[in-house]
Protein backbone atom coordinates (compact mmCIF):
# COMPACT_ATOMS: atom_id res chain seq x y z
CA MET A 1 36.02 81.57 -106.56
CA ASN A 2 32.99 79.72 -107.90
CA ILE A 3 30.01 79.85 -105.58
CA GLY A 4 26.97 77.61 -105.37
CA TRP A 5 23.73 78.87 -103.85
CA ILE A 6 20.91 76.73 -102.46
CA GLY A 7 17.57 78.30 -101.52
CA LEU A 8 15.89 81.03 -103.54
CA GLY A 9 13.30 82.49 -101.20
CA ASN A 10 12.74 86.10 -100.17
CA MET A 11 16.30 86.34 -98.85
CA GLY A 12 18.13 83.93 -101.14
CA ILE A 13 17.44 85.70 -104.42
CA PRO A 14 18.74 89.17 -103.43
CA MET A 15 21.71 87.67 -101.57
CA ALA A 16 22.76 85.55 -104.54
CA ALA A 17 22.28 88.59 -106.77
CA GLN A 18 24.73 90.52 -104.58
CA LEU A 19 27.40 87.91 -105.29
CA ILE A 20 26.72 87.93 -109.03
CA ASN A 21 26.90 91.73 -109.11
CA ALA A 22 30.20 91.57 -107.22
CA GLY A 23 31.69 89.48 -110.02
CA TYR A 24 31.51 85.97 -108.56
CA LYS A 25 30.57 83.05 -110.79
CA VAL A 26 27.39 81.72 -109.20
CA SER A 27 25.45 78.51 -109.79
CA VAL A 28 22.09 78.07 -108.07
CA TYR A 29 19.87 75.20 -106.99
CA ASN A 30 16.28 75.36 -105.80
CA ARG A 31 13.60 72.69 -105.63
CA SER A 32 11.33 74.94 -107.71
CA LYS A 33 13.40 75.53 -110.82
CA ASP A 34 11.43 78.62 -111.88
CA LYS A 35 12.91 80.49 -108.91
CA GLY A 36 16.28 80.44 -110.68
CA ILE A 37 15.10 82.27 -113.80
CA GLU A 38 15.64 85.76 -112.37
CA LEU A 39 19.23 84.99 -111.35
CA ASN A 40 19.89 83.18 -114.61
CA LYS A 41 19.14 86.45 -116.40
CA LEU A 42 21.80 88.10 -114.23
CA GLY A 43 24.37 85.50 -115.29
CA SER A 44 24.06 82.53 -112.95
CA THR A 45 23.87 78.93 -114.05
CA ILE A 46 21.34 76.44 -112.69
CA ALA A 47 22.35 73.14 -111.09
CA GLU A 48 20.10 70.09 -111.20
CA THR A 49 20.95 68.77 -107.71
CA PRO A 50 22.87 69.79 -104.57
CA LYS A 51 25.31 66.99 -105.45
CA SER A 52 26.19 68.39 -108.87
CA LEU A 53 26.37 71.89 -107.42
CA LEU A 54 28.98 70.99 -104.81
CA GLU A 55 31.06 69.07 -107.32
CA ASN A 56 31.47 72.17 -109.52
CA VAL A 57 32.06 75.04 -107.09
CA ASP A 58 34.43 76.06 -104.30
CA ILE A 59 31.87 77.26 -101.78
CA VAL A 60 28.21 76.33 -101.34
CA ILE A 61 25.94 78.74 -99.45
CA ILE A 62 22.58 77.58 -98.12
CA MET A 63 19.61 79.79 -97.19
CA VAL A 64 16.50 77.74 -96.43
CA SER A 65 13.77 77.66 -93.80
CA ASP A 66 14.41 75.00 -91.17
CA ASP A 67 16.22 71.89 -89.91
CA GLU A 68 14.24 69.50 -92.09
CA ALA A 69 15.15 71.41 -95.24
CA ILE A 70 18.82 71.27 -94.22
CA LYS A 71 18.68 67.52 -93.64
CA GLN A 72 17.10 67.05 -97.07
CA ILE A 73 19.77 69.15 -98.78
CA PHE A 74 22.57 67.18 -97.13
CA GLU A 75 21.19 63.66 -96.81
CA SER A 76 18.87 63.06 -99.77
CA GLU A 77 19.85 60.73 -102.60
CA ASN A 78 21.46 63.58 -104.56
CA GLY A 79 22.29 65.69 -101.55
CA LEU A 80 25.56 67.35 -100.64
CA LEU A 81 26.86 64.33 -98.76
CA SER A 82 26.51 62.16 -101.87
CA ALA A 83 28.93 64.33 -103.84
CA GLU A 84 32.37 63.06 -104.79
CA ALA A 85 34.02 66.26 -103.67
CA SER A 86 36.45 67.36 -100.96
CA GLY A 87 38.17 70.57 -99.95
CA LYS A 88 34.92 72.54 -100.29
CA ILE A 89 33.40 75.02 -97.85
CA ILE A 90 29.70 74.72 -97.02
CA ILE A 91 28.17 77.81 -95.40
CA ASN A 92 24.74 77.42 -93.86
CA MET A 93 23.16 80.88 -93.53
CA SER A 94 19.76 79.52 -92.50
CA THR A 95 18.33 80.05 -89.02
CA VAL A 96 18.38 76.49 -87.71
CA SER A 97 19.22 74.63 -84.52
CA PRO A 98 22.81 74.45 -83.29
CA ALA A 99 22.34 70.67 -83.15
CA VAL A 100 21.70 70.32 -86.88
CA SER A 101 24.76 72.49 -87.62
CA LYS A 102 26.96 70.32 -85.43
CA ALA A 103 25.65 67.17 -87.10
CA MET A 104 26.15 68.48 -90.64
CA ASP A 105 29.59 69.83 -89.73
CA GLN A 106 30.68 66.39 -88.57
CA LYS A 107 29.29 64.70 -91.68
CA SER A 108 30.88 67.30 -93.96
CA GLN A 109 34.27 66.78 -92.33
CA GLN A 110 33.96 63.03 -92.90
CA LYS A 111 33.70 63.82 -96.63
CA GLY A 112 36.72 66.14 -96.46
CA ASN A 113 34.71 69.38 -96.53
CA ALA A 114 34.39 72.28 -94.08
CA TYR A 115 31.21 73.74 -92.61
CA LEU A 116 30.29 77.13 -91.18
CA ASP A 117 26.98 78.21 -89.65
CA ALA A 118 26.46 81.86 -90.61
CA PRO A 119 22.90 83.08 -90.06
CA VAL A 120 22.04 86.71 -90.69
CA SER A 121 20.29 89.54 -88.94
CA GLY A 122 18.34 91.72 -91.35
CA SER A 123 15.50 91.34 -93.78
CA VAL A 124 14.86 91.68 -97.50
CA LYS A 125 15.87 95.36 -97.66
CA GLN A 126 19.24 94.63 -96.05
CA ALA A 127 19.73 91.61 -98.32
CA GLU A 128 19.11 93.78 -101.37
CA THR A 129 21.67 96.36 -100.29
CA GLY A 130 24.36 94.10 -98.81
CA GLN A 131 23.78 95.46 -95.30
CA LEU A 132 23.15 92.23 -93.40
CA VAL A 133 24.81 91.40 -90.08
CA ILE A 134 26.38 87.93 -90.27
CA MET A 135 27.25 85.85 -87.21
CA VAL A 136 29.47 82.84 -87.79
CA GLY A 137 30.32 79.65 -85.96
CA GLY A 138 33.10 77.32 -87.05
CA ASP A 139 36.82 76.87 -87.53
CA GLU A 140 38.70 80.18 -87.57
CA THR A 141 40.91 79.29 -90.54
CA VAL A 142 37.88 78.30 -92.62
CA PHE A 143 36.13 81.48 -91.54
CA GLU A 144 39.01 83.64 -92.76
CA LYS A 145 38.90 81.93 -96.17
CA ALA A 146 35.15 82.52 -96.48
CA LYS A 147 35.04 86.03 -94.99
CA PRO A 148 35.59 87.98 -98.24
CA VAL A 149 32.55 86.26 -99.73
CA LEU A 150 30.44 86.91 -96.64
CA ASP A 151 31.59 90.53 -96.54
CA THR A 152 29.96 90.97 -99.95
CA LEU A 153 26.61 90.17 -98.34
CA GLY A 154 26.81 92.17 -95.14
CA LYS A 155 28.08 95.26 -93.36
CA LEU A 156 29.42 93.17 -90.47
CA THR A 157 30.76 89.61 -90.49
CA LEU A 158 31.75 88.36 -87.05
CA ARG A 159 32.92 84.93 -85.91
CA VAL A 160 31.39 84.32 -82.49
CA GLY A 161 32.70 80.83 -81.68
CA GLU A 162 32.86 77.22 -82.79
CA THR A 163 30.23 75.33 -84.81
CA GLY A 164 26.72 76.19 -83.65
CA ALA A 165 27.68 79.50 -82.07
CA GLY A 166 26.33 81.46 -85.04
CA ASN A 167 23.00 79.70 -84.62
CA GLN A 168 22.98 80.43 -80.88
CA ALA A 169 23.64 84.12 -81.50
CA LYS A 170 20.85 84.29 -84.08
CA LEU A 171 18.33 82.68 -81.76
CA ALA A 172 19.24 85.24 -79.10
CA ILE A 173 18.73 88.10 -81.56
CA ASN A 174 15.45 86.72 -82.87
CA SER A 175 14.16 86.32 -79.33
CA LEU A 176 14.69 90.06 -78.92
CA LEU A 177 13.07 90.64 -82.31
CA ALA A 178 9.90 88.89 -81.08
CA LEU A 179 9.87 91.04 -77.94
CA TYR A 180 10.26 94.20 -80.04
CA ALA A 181 7.38 93.18 -82.32
CA GLN A 182 4.99 92.27 -79.52
CA GLY A 183 5.98 95.35 -77.52
CA LEU A 184 5.41 97.69 -80.47
CA ALA A 185 2.05 96.08 -81.27
CA GLU A 186 0.84 96.30 -77.66
CA THR A 187 2.02 99.91 -77.36
CA VAL A 188 0.13 100.97 -80.49
CA LEU A 189 -3.05 99.24 -79.32
CA PHE A 190 -2.83 100.78 -75.84
CA ALA A 191 -2.39 104.26 -77.32
CA ASN A 192 -5.26 103.76 -79.79
CA ASN A 193 -7.55 102.64 -76.98
CA ASN A 194 -6.81 105.92 -75.25
CA GLY A 195 -7.43 108.16 -78.23
CA ILE A 196 -3.87 108.52 -79.55
CA LYS A 197 -3.54 108.18 -83.32
CA THR A 198 -1.05 105.59 -84.56
CA ASP A 199 0.88 108.04 -86.75
CA ASP A 200 1.25 110.49 -83.85
CA LEU A 201 2.48 107.76 -81.52
CA LEU A 202 4.99 106.45 -84.06
CA ASN A 203 6.24 109.96 -84.71
CA LEU A 204 6.94 110.31 -80.99
CA ILE A 205 8.59 106.88 -80.74
CA ASN A 206 10.83 107.36 -83.74
CA ASN A 207 12.08 110.71 -82.47
CA ALA A 208 12.72 109.39 -78.98
CA ALA A 209 15.58 107.31 -77.57
CA ILE A 210 13.48 104.13 -77.93
CA GLY A 211 13.07 104.57 -81.69
CA ASN A 212 15.10 102.39 -84.06
CA ILE A 213 15.08 101.00 -87.59
CA PHE A 214 12.69 98.24 -86.53
CA THR A 215 10.09 100.60 -85.08
CA LYS A 216 10.29 102.74 -88.22
CA ILE A 217 9.90 99.87 -90.70
CA LYS A 218 7.25 97.96 -88.78
CA GLY A 219 5.48 101.14 -87.74
CA ASP A 220 5.18 102.08 -91.41
CA ALA A 221 3.75 98.61 -92.09
CA ILE A 222 1.12 99.08 -89.38
CA LEU A 223 0.18 102.52 -90.75
CA ALA A 224 -0.17 101.13 -94.27
CA ASP A 225 -1.99 98.00 -93.05
CA HIS A 226 0.62 96.16 -95.13
CA TYR A 227 1.69 92.75 -93.88
CA LYS A 228 3.48 91.17 -96.85
CA PRO A 229 6.15 89.06 -95.16
CA ALA A 230 9.67 90.42 -94.98
CA PHE A 231 10.00 87.94 -92.11
CA ALA A 232 7.02 85.62 -91.80
CA LEU A 233 5.30 85.24 -88.44
CA LYS A 234 5.51 81.44 -88.75
CA HIS A 235 9.31 81.72 -88.82
CA ILE A 236 9.50 83.66 -85.55
CA VAL A 237 7.42 80.89 -83.98
CA LYS A 238 9.96 78.36 -85.25
CA ASP A 239 12.86 80.42 -83.90
CA LEU A 240 11.25 80.97 -80.50
CA ARG A 241 10.73 77.21 -80.20
CA LEU A 242 14.37 76.60 -81.11
CA ALA A 243 15.45 79.16 -78.50
CA ARG A 244 13.25 77.44 -75.92
CA ASP A 245 14.85 74.12 -76.80
CA GLU A 246 18.27 75.73 -76.27
CA GLY A 247 17.31 76.80 -72.77
CA ILE A 248 15.73 80.26 -72.85
CA SER A 249 12.98 80.23 -70.24
CA SER A 250 12.57 83.83 -69.15
CA PRO A 251 9.08 85.26 -68.52
CA LEU A 252 9.26 87.52 -71.60
CA ALA A 253 10.44 84.73 -73.90
CA GLU A 254 7.73 82.35 -72.68
CA THR A 255 5.05 85.02 -73.14
CA ALA A 256 6.26 85.89 -76.64
CA LEU A 257 6.17 82.24 -77.71
CA LYS A 258 2.58 81.88 -76.48
CA THR A 259 1.57 85.11 -78.22
CA PHE A 260 3.04 84.21 -81.59
CA GLU A 261 1.89 80.62 -81.42
CA SER A 262 -1.68 81.83 -80.88
CA ALA A 263 -1.35 84.14 -83.90
CA GLU A 264 0.23 81.58 -86.23
CA ALA A 265 -2.92 79.82 -87.47
CA ALA A 266 -4.49 83.02 -88.78
CA PHE A 267 -1.46 85.13 -89.61
CA GLY A 268 1.51 82.76 -89.98
CA GLU A 269 2.08 83.58 -93.66
CA GLU A 270 2.07 87.33 -93.01
CA ASP A 271 4.87 89.48 -91.58
CA LEU A 272 5.61 89.02 -87.89
CA ILE A 273 4.19 92.47 -87.08
CA ALA A 274 0.79 91.07 -88.11
CA VAL A 275 0.77 89.93 -84.46
CA ILE A 276 -0.99 93.28 -83.88
CA LYS A 277 -4.05 91.86 -85.64
CA SER A 278 -4.09 88.84 -83.36
CA LEU A 279 -3.64 90.99 -80.25
């Protein structure tokens, strides 16, 4: 199976590399062509446009930042919808709105192609090791065809419903992610204000029932004062807004959105746990 990849950011590069290392023939497209050099050295080819990419592969996988980027990839002059191609599978692994997935699914079907929304839970480390959790919305038959490819990228690939359901599941998970991050940051600050050292507190947390991979990774980032983005704070703001638009209105969700929105101007390009600096 020939695979096309669109979007070579922090997640896209290691995910595409996983496919190359698994033996798939991979062609990549990114607006900034220099981003493809690393994968080209691993054996990928570089496509000039989304249109030419789709015309020469069996499956196209997309990993970009937001709804507007998706619309550009599909609807621009040389976008996916301009391709003279049918019988292809387009897998959108970006965290975007269910509405944009439903719209692109309908337009893809009109061209004779199939669409899956398949966002991921996990960050750069999990992308590098093929340990992502992948939640999928779309036709079950199409999902079964694409599953072996997705299984190369993750430790769990689960279809959760029809088109848009993958996006809904991801927004639910990222809402919890925001609550974890704010809760951890507030807990550290409270302990510090009462004379408890951060490393002692984190040692207690990570050996208690409330400890998890997130508290370990983000706790280490706090200790090191290291906020290079594995998942940028500006992206959790985007996801919390999408979740709000989908109907989440609980007190915790509303508070988290306000907290991260207030932090975005100063710390949006840093990792989401940089919210501790804002708090």
